[in-house]
All heavy atoms as atom14 arrays in JSON, in Angstrom:
{
  "sequence": "AFTALLGYDRADIQGRALSSIGPGNVTTQLDARLRAT",
  "atom14_mask": [
    [1, 1, 1, 1, 1, 0, 0, 0, 0, 0, 0, 0, 0, 0],
    [1, 1, 1, 1, 1, 1, 1, 1, 1, 1, 1, 0, 0, 0],
    [1, 1, 1, 1, 1, 1, 1, 0, 0, 0, 0, 0, 0, 0],
    [1, 1, 1, 1, 1, 0, 0, 0, 0, 0, 0, 0, 0, 0],
    [1, 1, 1, 1, 1, 1, 1, 1, 0, 0, 0, 0, 0, 0],
    [1, 1, 1, 1, 1, 1, 1, 1, 0, 0, 0, 0, 0, 0],
    [1, 1, 1, 1, 0, 0, 0, 0, 0, 0, 0, 0, 0, 0],
    [1, 1, 1, 1, 1, 1, 1, 1, 1, 1, 1, 1, 0, 0],
    [1, 1, 1, 1, 1, 1, 1, 1, 0, 0, 0, 0, 0, 0],
    [1, 1, 1, 1, 1, 1, 1, 1, 1, 1, 1, 0, 0, 0],
    [1, 1, 1, 1, 1, 0, 0, 0, 0, 0, 0, 0, 0, 0],
    [1, 1, 1, 1, 1, 1, 1, 1, 0, 0, 0, 0, 0, 0],
    [1, 1, 1, 1, 1, 1, 1, 1, 0, 0, 0, 0, 0, 0],
    [1, 1, 1, 1, 1, 1, 1, 1, 1, 0, 0, 0, 0, 0],
    [1, 1, 1, 1, 0, 0, 0, 0, 0, 0, 0, 0, 0, 0],
    [1, 1, 1, 1, 1, 1, 1, 1, 1, 1, 1, 0, 0, 0],
    [1, 1, 1, 1, 1, 0, 0, 0, 0, 0, 0, 0, 0, 0],
    [1, 1, 1, 1, 1, 1, 1, 1, 0, 0, 0, 0, 0, 0],
    [1, 1, 1, 1, 1, 1, 0, 0, 0, 0, 0, 0, 0, 0],
    [1, 1, 1, 1, 1, 1, 0, 0, 0, 0, 0, 0, 0, 0],
    [1, 1, 1, 1, 1, 1, 1, 1, 0, 0, 0, 0, 0, 0],
    [1, 1, 1, 1, 0, 0, 0, 0, 0, 0, 0, 0, 0, 0],
    [1, 1, 1, 1, 1, 1, 1, 0, 0, 0, 0, 0, 0, 0],
    [1, 1, 1, 1, 0, 0, 0, 0, 0, 0, 0, 0, 0, 0],
    [1, 1, 1, 1, 1, 1, 1, 1, 0, 0, 0, 0, 0, 0],
    [1, 1, 1, 1, 1, 1, 1, 0, 0, 0, 0, 0, 0, 0],
    [1, 1, 1, 1, 1, 1, 1, 0, 0, 0, 0, 0, 0, 0],
    [1, 1, 1, 1, 1, 1, 1, 0, 0, 0, 0, 0, 0, 0],
    [1, 1, 1, 1, 1, 1, 1, 1, 1, 0, 0, 0, 0, 0],
    [1, 1, 1, 1, 1, 1, 1, 1, 0, 0, 0, 0, 0, 0],
    [1, 1, 1, 1, 1, 1, 1, 1, 0, 0, 0, 0, 0, 0],
    [1, 1, 1, 1, 1, 0, 0, 0, 0, 0, 0, 0, 0, 0],
    [1, 1, 1, 1, 1, 1, 1, 1, 1, 1, 1, 0, 0, 0],
    [1, 1, 1, 1, 1, 1, 1, 1, 0, 0, 0, 0, 0, 0],
    [1, 1, 1, 1, 1, 1, 1, 1, 1, 1, 1, 0, 0, 0],
    [1, 1, 1, 1, 1, 0, 0, 0, 0, 0, 0, 0, 0, 0],
    [1, 1, 1, 1, 1, 1, 1, 0, 0, 0, 0, 0, 0, 0]
  ],
  "atom14_positions": [
    [[-4.68, -1.73, -13.87], [-4.14, -0.36, -14.0], [-3.06, -0.11, -12.97], [-2.08, 0.59, -13.23], [-5.27, 0.66, -13.84], [0.0, 0.0, 0.0], [0.0, 0.0, 0.0], [0.0, 0.0, 0.0], [0.0, 0.0, 0.0], [0.0, 0.0, 0.0], [0.0, 0.0, 0.0], [0.0, 0.0, 0.0], [0.0, 0.0, 0.0], [0.0, 0.0, 0.0]],
    [[-3.2, -0.7, -11.78], [-2.19, -0.54, -10.73], [-0.89, -1.25, -11.12], [0.2, -0.68, -10.98], [-2.73, -1.1, -9.4], [-1.83, -0.86, -8.23], [-1.84, 0.33, -7.54], [-0.93, -1.84, -7.8], [-1.01, 0.56, -6.46], [-0.09, -1.63, -6.72], [-0.13, -0.43, -6.05], [0.0, 0.0, 0.0], [0.0, 0.0, 0.0], [0.0, 0.0, 0.0]],
    [[-1.01, -2.5, -11.61], [0.21, -3.22, -12.0], [0.87, -2.57, -13.21], [2.09, -2.54, -13.33], [-0.12, -4.69, -12.31], [-1.11, -4.75, -13.35], [-0.66, -5.4, -11.08], [0.0, 0.0, 0.0], [0.0, 0.0, 0.0], [0.0, 0.0, 0.0], [0.0, 0.0, 0.0], [0.0, 0.0, 0.0], [0.0, 0.0, 0.0], [0.0, 0.0, 0.0]],
    [[0.04, -2.01, -14.13], [0.61, -1.33, -15.3], [1.37, -0.08, -14.88], [2.41, 0.25, -15.45], [-0.5, -0.97, -16.29], [0.0, 0.0, 0.0], [0.0, 0.0, 0.0], [0.0, 0.0, 0.0], [0.0, 0.0, 0.0], [0.0, 0.0, 0.0], [0.0, 0.0, 0.0], [0.0, 0.0, 0.0], [0.0, 0.0, 0.0], [0.0, 0.0, 0.0]],
    [[0.86, 0.63, -13.88], [1.53, 1.84, -13.39], [2.91, 1.53, -12.85], [3.87, 2.28, -13.09], [0.68, 2.5, -12.3], [1.28, 3.72, -11.6], [1.43, 4.88, -12.58], [0.43, 4.13, -10.41], [0.0, 0.0, 0.0], [0.0, 0.0, 0.0], [0.0, 0.0, 0.0], [0.0, 0.0, 0.0], [0.0, 0.0, 0.0], [0.0, 0.0, 0.0]],
    [[3.03, 0.41, -12.14], [4.3, 0.1, -11.47], [5.15, -0.93, -12.21], [6.33, -1.12, -11.86], [4.03, -0.4, -10.05], [3.27, 0.59, -9.16], [3.1, 0.0, -7.76], [3.97, 1.92, -9.08], [0.0, 0.0, 0.0], [0.0, 0.0, 0.0], [0.0, 0.0, 0.0], [0.0, 0.0, 0.0], [0.0, 0.0, 0.0], [0.0, 0.0, 0.0]],
    [[4.56, -1.63, -13.2], [5.35, -2.58, -13.99], [5.48, -3.96, -13.38], [6.27, -4.76, -13.88], [0.0, 0.0, 0.0], [0.0, 0.0, 0.0], [0.0, 0.0, 0.0], [0.0, 0.0, 0.0], [0.0, 0.0, 0.0], [0.0, 0.0, 0.0], [0.0, 0.0, 0.0], [0.0, 0.0, 0.0], [0.0, 0.0, 0.0], [0.0, 0.0, 0.0]],
    [[4.75, -4.26, -12.32], [4.82, -5.57, -11.68], [3.8, -6.53, -12.29], [2.77, -6.1, -12.83], [4.51, -5.47, -10.18], [5.58, -4.78, -9.35], [5.47, -3.43, -9.02], [6.69, -5.49, -8.9], [6.43, -2.8, -8.26], [7.66, -4.86, -8.13], [7.52, -3.52, -7.82], [8.48, -2.91, -7.06], [0.0, 0.0, 0.0], [0.0, 0.0, 0.0]],
    [[4.06, -7.87, -12.17], [3.03, -8.87, -12.38], [2.19, -8.95, -11.12], [2.7, -8.76, -10.01], [3.64, -10.23, -12.68], [4.34, -10.25, -14.04], [3.91, -9.49, -14.93], [5.31, -11.01, -14.18], [0.0, 0.0, 0.0], [0.0, 0.0, 0.0], [0.0, 0.0, 0.0], [0.0, 0.0, 0.0], [0.0, 0.0, 0.0], [0.0, 0.0, 0.0]],
    [[0.92, -9.24, -11.3], [0.04, -9.27, -10.14], [0.51, -10.28, -9.1], [0.47, -10.02, -7.89], [-1.39, -9.61, -10.58], [-2.39, -9.56, -9.44], [-3.8, -9.75, -9.93], [-4.1, -8.81, -11.01], [-5.32, -8.58, -11.45], [-6.35, -9.18, -10.91], [-5.52, -7.73, -12.43], [0.0, 0.0, 0.0], [0.0, 0.0, 0.0], [0.0, 0.0, 0.0]],
    [[0.97, -11.43, -9.54], [1.38, -12.46, -8.6], [2.59, -12.03, -7.77], [2.8, -12.53, -6.66], [1.7, -13.76, -9.35], [0.0, 0.0, 0.0], [0.0, 0.0, 0.0], [0.0, 0.0, 0.0], [0.0, 0.0, 0.0], [0.0, 0.0, 0.0], [0.0, 0.0, 0.0], [0.0, 0.0, 0.0], [0.0, 0.0, 0.0], [0.0, 0.0, 0.0]],
    [[3.38, -11.11, -8.33], [4.58, -10.66, -7.62], [4.29, -9.61, -6.57], [5.1, -9.4, -5.66], [5.59, -10.07, -8.62], [6.15, -11.12, -9.56], [6.2, -12.3, -9.14], [6.51, -10.78, -10.7], [0.0, 0.0, 0.0], [0.0, 0.0, 0.0], [0.0, 0.0, 0.0], [0.0, 0.0, 0.0], [0.0, 0.0, 0.0], [0.0, 0.0, 0.0]],
    [[3.16, -8.92, -6.7], [2.91, -7.81, -5.79], [1.76, -8.07, -4.82], [1.74, -7.59, -3.7], [2.65, -6.51, -6.6], [2.8, -5.29, -5.71], [1.3, -6.55, -7.28], [2.8, -3.99, -6.46], [0.0, 0.0, 0.0], [0.0, 0.0, 0.0], [0.0, 0.0, 0.0], [0.0, 0.0, 0.0], [0.0, 0.0, 0.0], [0.0, 0.0, 0.0]],
    [[0.77, -8.86, -5.28], [-0.36, -9.15, -4.41], [0.08, -10.07, -3.28], [0.74, -11.09, -3.51], [-1.47, -9.82, -5.24], [-2.84, -9.76, -4.61], [-3.93, -10.0, -5.63], [-4.41, -9.07, -6.25], [-4.31, -11.26, -5.81], [0.0, 0.0, 0.0], [0.0, 0.0, 0.0], [0.0, 0.0, 0.0], [0.0, 0.0, 0.0], [0.0, 0.0, 0.0]],
    [[-0.25, -9.71, -2.09], [0.21, -10.45, -0.92], [1.42, -9.84, -0.24], [1.79, -10.24, 0.86], [0.0, 0.0, 0.0], [0.0, 0.0, 0.0], [0.0, 0.0, 0.0], [0.0, 0.0, 0.0], [0.0, 0.0, 0.0], [0.0, 0.0, 0.0], [0.0, 0.0, 0.0], [0.0, 0.0, 0.0], [0.0, 0.0, 0.0], [0.0, 0.0, 0.0]],
    [[2.05, -8.84, -0.89], [3.2, -8.15, -0.29], [2.71, -6.98, 0.55], [1.59, -6.48, 0.38], [4.13, -7.62, -1.38], [4.9, -8.69, -2.1], [5.66, -8.13, -3.29], [6.54, -7.01, -2.96], [7.38, -6.45, -3.83], [7.42, -6.9, -5.07], [8.13, -5.45, -3.44], [0.0, 0.0, 0.0], [0.0, 0.0, 0.0], [0.0, 0.0, 0.0]],
    [[3.56, -6.54, 1.45], [3.24, -5.36, 2.25], [3.34, -4.12, 1.38], [4.24, -3.99, 0.55], [4.18, -5.25, 3.44], [0.0, 0.0, 0.0], [0.0, 0.0, 0.0], [0.0, 0.0, 0.0], [0.0, 0.0, 0.0], [0.0, 0.0, 0.0], [0.0, 0.0, 0.0], [0.0, 0.0, 0.0], [0.0, 0.0, 0.0], [0.0, 0.0, 0.0]],
    [[2.39, -3.19, 1.56], [2.45, -1.94, 0.82], [3.76, -1.21, 1.08], [4.3, -0.52, 0.2], [1.26, -1.04, 1.19], [1.21, 0.34, 0.55], [1.14, 0.23, -0.97], [0.05, 1.15, 1.09], [0.0, 0.0, 0.0], [0.0, 0.0, 0.0], [0.0, 0.0, 0.0], [0.0, 0.0, 0.0], [0.0, 0.0, 0.0], [0.0, 0.0, 0.0]],
    [[4.31, -1.38, 2.28], [5.56, -0.7, 2.64], [6.74, -1.15, 1.79], [7.76, -0.47, 1.74], [5.87, -0.92, 4.12], [6.02, -2.31, 4.4], [0.0, 0.0, 0.0], [0.0, 0.0, 0.0], [0.0, 0.0, 0.0], [0.0, 0.0, 0.0], [0.0, 0.0, 0.0], [0.0, 0.0, 0.0], [0.0, 0.0, 0.0], [0.0, 0.0, 0.0]],
    [[6.61, -2.32, 1.1], [7.72, -2.8, 0.27], [7.85, -1.99, -1.01], [8.89, -2.01, -1.66], [7.53, -4.27, -0.06], [6.39, -4.46, -0.89], [0.0, 0.0, 0.0], [0.0, 0.0, 0.0], [0.0, 0.0, 0.0], [0.0, 0.0, 0.0], [0.0, 0.0, 0.0], [0.0, 0.0, 0.0], [0.0, 0.0, 0.0], [0.0, 0.0, 0.0]],
    [[6.79, -1.28, -1.39], [6.85, -0.44, -2.59], [6.47, 1.01, -2.29], [6.44, 1.85, -3.19], [5.93, -0.98, -3.7], [4.49, -1.01, -3.21], [6.4, -2.34, -4.19], [3.49, -1.28, -4.32], [0.0, 0.0, 0.0], [0.0, 0.0, 0.0], [0.0, 0.0, 0.0], [0.0, 0.0, 0.0], [0.0, 0.0, 0.0], [0.0, 0.0, 0.0]],
    [[6.12, 1.29, -1.04], [5.7, 2.63, -0.68], [6.03, 2.92, 0.76], [6.84, 2.23, 1.38], [0.0, 0.0, 0.0], [0.0, 0.0, 0.0], [0.0, 0.0, 0.0], [0.0, 0.0, 0.0], [0.0, 0.0, 0.0], [0.0, 0.0, 0.0], [0.0, 0.0, 0.0], [0.0, 0.0, 0.0], [0.0, 0.0, 0.0], [0.0, 0.0, 0.0]],
    [[5.4, 3.94, 1.33], [5.71, 4.31, 2.71], [5.22, 3.25, 3.7], [4.27, 2.51, 3.43], [4.95, 5.63, 2.89], [3.83, 5.56, 1.91], [4.37, 4.81, 0.73], [0.0, 0.0, 0.0], [0.0, 0.0, 0.0], [0.0, 0.0, 0.0], [0.0, 0.0, 0.0], [0.0, 0.0, 0.0], [0.0, 0.0, 0.0], [0.0, 0.0, 0.0]],
    [[5.86, 3.19, 4.84], [5.52, 2.17, 5.83], [4.47, 2.62, 6.83], [4.09, 1.82, 7.7], [0.0, 0.0, 0.0], [0.0, 0.0, 0.0], [0.0, 0.0, 0.0], [0.0, 0.0, 0.0], [0.0, 0.0, 0.0], [0.0, 0.0, 0.0], [0.0, 0.0, 0.0], [0.0, 0.0, 0.0], [0.0, 0.0, 0.0], [0.0, 0.0, 0.0]],
    [[3.99, 3.86, 6.71], [3.08, 4.37, 7.74], [1.7, 4.7, 7.21], [0.97, 5.48, 7.81], [3.68, 5.62, 8.39], [3.87, 6.75, 7.37], [3.77, 6.53, 6.17], [4.14, 7.95, 7.87], [0.0, 0.0, 0.0], [0.0, 0.0, 0.0], [0.0, 0.0, 0.0], [0.0, 0.0, 0.0], [0.0, 0.0, 0.0], [0.0, 0.0, 0.0]],
    [[1.3, 4.11, 6.06], [-0.01, 4.41, 5.5], [-1.12, 3.98, 6.44], [-2.04, 4.75, 6.75], [-0.17, 3.75, 4.12], [-1.64, 3.82, 3.67], [0.72, 4.43, 3.09], [0.0, 0.0, 0.0], [0.0, 0.0, 0.0], [0.0, 0.0, 0.0], [0.0, 0.0, 0.0], [0.0, 0.0, 0.0], [0.0, 0.0, 0.0], [0.0, 0.0, 0.0]],
    [[-1.07, 2.75, 6.95], [-2.12, 2.28, 7.85], [-2.12, 3.08, 9.14], [-3.17, 3.36, 9.72], [-1.94, 0.79, 8.15], [-0.61, 0.55, 8.65], [-2.16, -0.05, 6.9], [0.0, 0.0, 0.0], [0.0, 0.0, 0.0], [0.0, 0.0, 0.0], [0.0, 0.0, 0.0], [0.0, 0.0, 0.0], [0.0, 0.0, 0.0], [0.0, 0.0, 0.0]],
    [[-0.94, 3.48, 9.61], [-0.86, 4.29, 10.83], [-1.54, 5.64, 10.62], [-2.29, 6.11, 11.47], [0.62, 4.52, 11.21], [1.26, 3.25, 11.38], [0.73, 5.31, 12.49], [0.0, 0.0, 0.0], [0.0, 0.0, 0.0], [0.0, 0.0, 0.0], [0.0, 0.0, 0.0], [0.0, 0.0, 0.0], [0.0, 0.0, 0.0], [0.0, 0.0, 0.0]],
    [[-1.29, 6.27, 9.46], [-1.92, 7.56, 9.17], [-3.43, 7.43, 9.03], [-4.18, 8.25, 9.57], [-1.34, 8.14, 7.88], [0.12, 8.58, 7.97], [0.56, 9.3, 6.72], [0.1, 10.4, 6.43], [1.45, 8.68, 5.96], [0.0, 0.0, 0.0], [0.0, 0.0, 0.0], [0.0, 0.0, 0.0], [0.0, 0.0, 0.0], [0.0, 0.0, 0.0]],
    [[-3.88, 6.39, 8.32], [-5.32, 6.2, 8.15], [-5.99, 5.93, 9.48], [-7.05, 6.5, 9.78], [-5.58, 5.04, 7.19], [-5.19, 5.27, 5.73], [-5.42, 3.99, 4.92], [-5.97, 6.41, 5.12], [0.0, 0.0, 0.0], [0.0, 0.0, 0.0], [0.0, 0.0, 0.0], [0.0, 0.0, 0.0], [0.0, 0.0, 0.0], [0.0, 0.0, 0.0]],
    [[-5.38, 5.07, 10.31], [-5.95, 4.74, 11.61], [-6.04, 5.99, 12.49], [-7.05, 6.23, 13.16], [-5.1, 3.67, 12.29], [-5.76, 3.15, 13.57], [-6.87, 2.6, 13.47], [-5.15, 3.33, 14.65], [0.0, 0.0, 0.0], [0.0, 0.0, 0.0], [0.0, 0.0, 0.0], [0.0, 0.0, 0.0], [0.0, 0.0, 0.0], [0.0, 0.0, 0.0]],
    [[-4.98, 6.84, 12.45], [-4.97, 8.05, 13.27], [-6.06, 9.02, 12.83], [-6.74, 9.64, 13.65], [-3.61, 8.72, 13.19], [0.0, 0.0, 0.0], [0.0, 0.0, 0.0], [0.0, 0.0, 0.0], [0.0, 0.0, 0.0], [0.0, 0.0, 0.0], [0.0, 0.0, 0.0], [0.0, 0.0, 0.0], [0.0, 0.0, 0.0], [0.0, 0.0, 0.0]],
    [[-6.26, 9.13, 11.53], [-7.28, 10.05, 11.03], [-8.69, 9.53, 11.34], [-9.59, 10.31, 11.66], [-7.12, 10.26, 9.53], [-5.83, 10.99, 9.17], [-5.78, 11.34, 7.71], [-4.5, 11.97, 7.36], [-4.22, 12.48, 6.17], [-5.14, 12.45, 5.22], [-3.05, 13.02, 5.93], [0.0, 0.0, 0.0], [0.0, 0.0, 0.0], [0.0, 0.0, 0.0]],
    [[-8.86, 8.23, 11.26], [-10.18, 7.66, 11.59], [-10.5, 7.85, 13.06], [-11.62, 8.18, 13.44], [-10.2, 6.17, 11.23], [-10.22, 5.86, 9.72], [-9.92, 4.4, 9.49], [-11.55, 6.25, 9.12], [0.0, 0.0, 0.0], [0.0, 0.0, 0.0], [0.0, 0.0, 0.0], [0.0, 0.0, 0.0], [0.0, 0.0, 0.0], [0.0, 0.0, 0.0]],
    [[-9.53, 7.63, 13.92], [-9.76, 7.76, 15.36], [-9.94, 9.23, 15.76], [-10.48, 9.52, 16.83], [-8.58, 7.16, 16.15], [-8.5, 5.64, 16.03], [-7.31, 5.1, 16.79], [-7.19, 3.66, 16.67], [-7.85, 2.79, 17.45], [-8.65, 3.23, 18.41], [-7.69, 1.49, 17.29], [0.0, 0.0, 0.0], [0.0, 0.0, 0.0], [0.0, 0.0, 0.0]],
    [[-9.51, 10.15, 14.91], [-9.65, 11.57, 15.24], [-11.07, 12.08, 15.0], [-11.41, 13.17, 15.41], [-8.67, 12.41, 14.4], [0.0, 0.0, 0.0], [0.0, 0.0, 0.0], [0.0, 0.0, 0.0], [0.0, 0.0, 0.0], [0.0, 0.0, 0.0], [0.0, 0.0, 0.0], [0.0, 0.0, 0.0], [0.0, 0.0, 0.0], [0.0, 0.0, 0.0]],
    [[-11.9, 11.25, 14.37], [-13.28, 11.65, 14.11], [-14.05, 11.69, 15.41], [-14.18, 10.69, 16.1], [-13.95, 10.67, 13.14], [-13.18, 10.59, 11.95], [-15.36, 11.13, 12.81], [0.0, 0.0, 0.0], [0.0, 0.0, 0.0], [0.0, 0.0, 0.0], [0.0, 0.0, 0.0], [0.0, 0.0, 0.0], [0.0, 0.0, 0.0], [0.0, 0.0, 0.0]]
  ]
}
């Protein structure tokens, strides 16, 4: 469903950084919210 949403083949996207198709600060935001608990 994820590959269908974006039109990629799985082999082309799996193993890539999320920042190559989306924002570069997702892990930073998640880490900051987790540490704020």
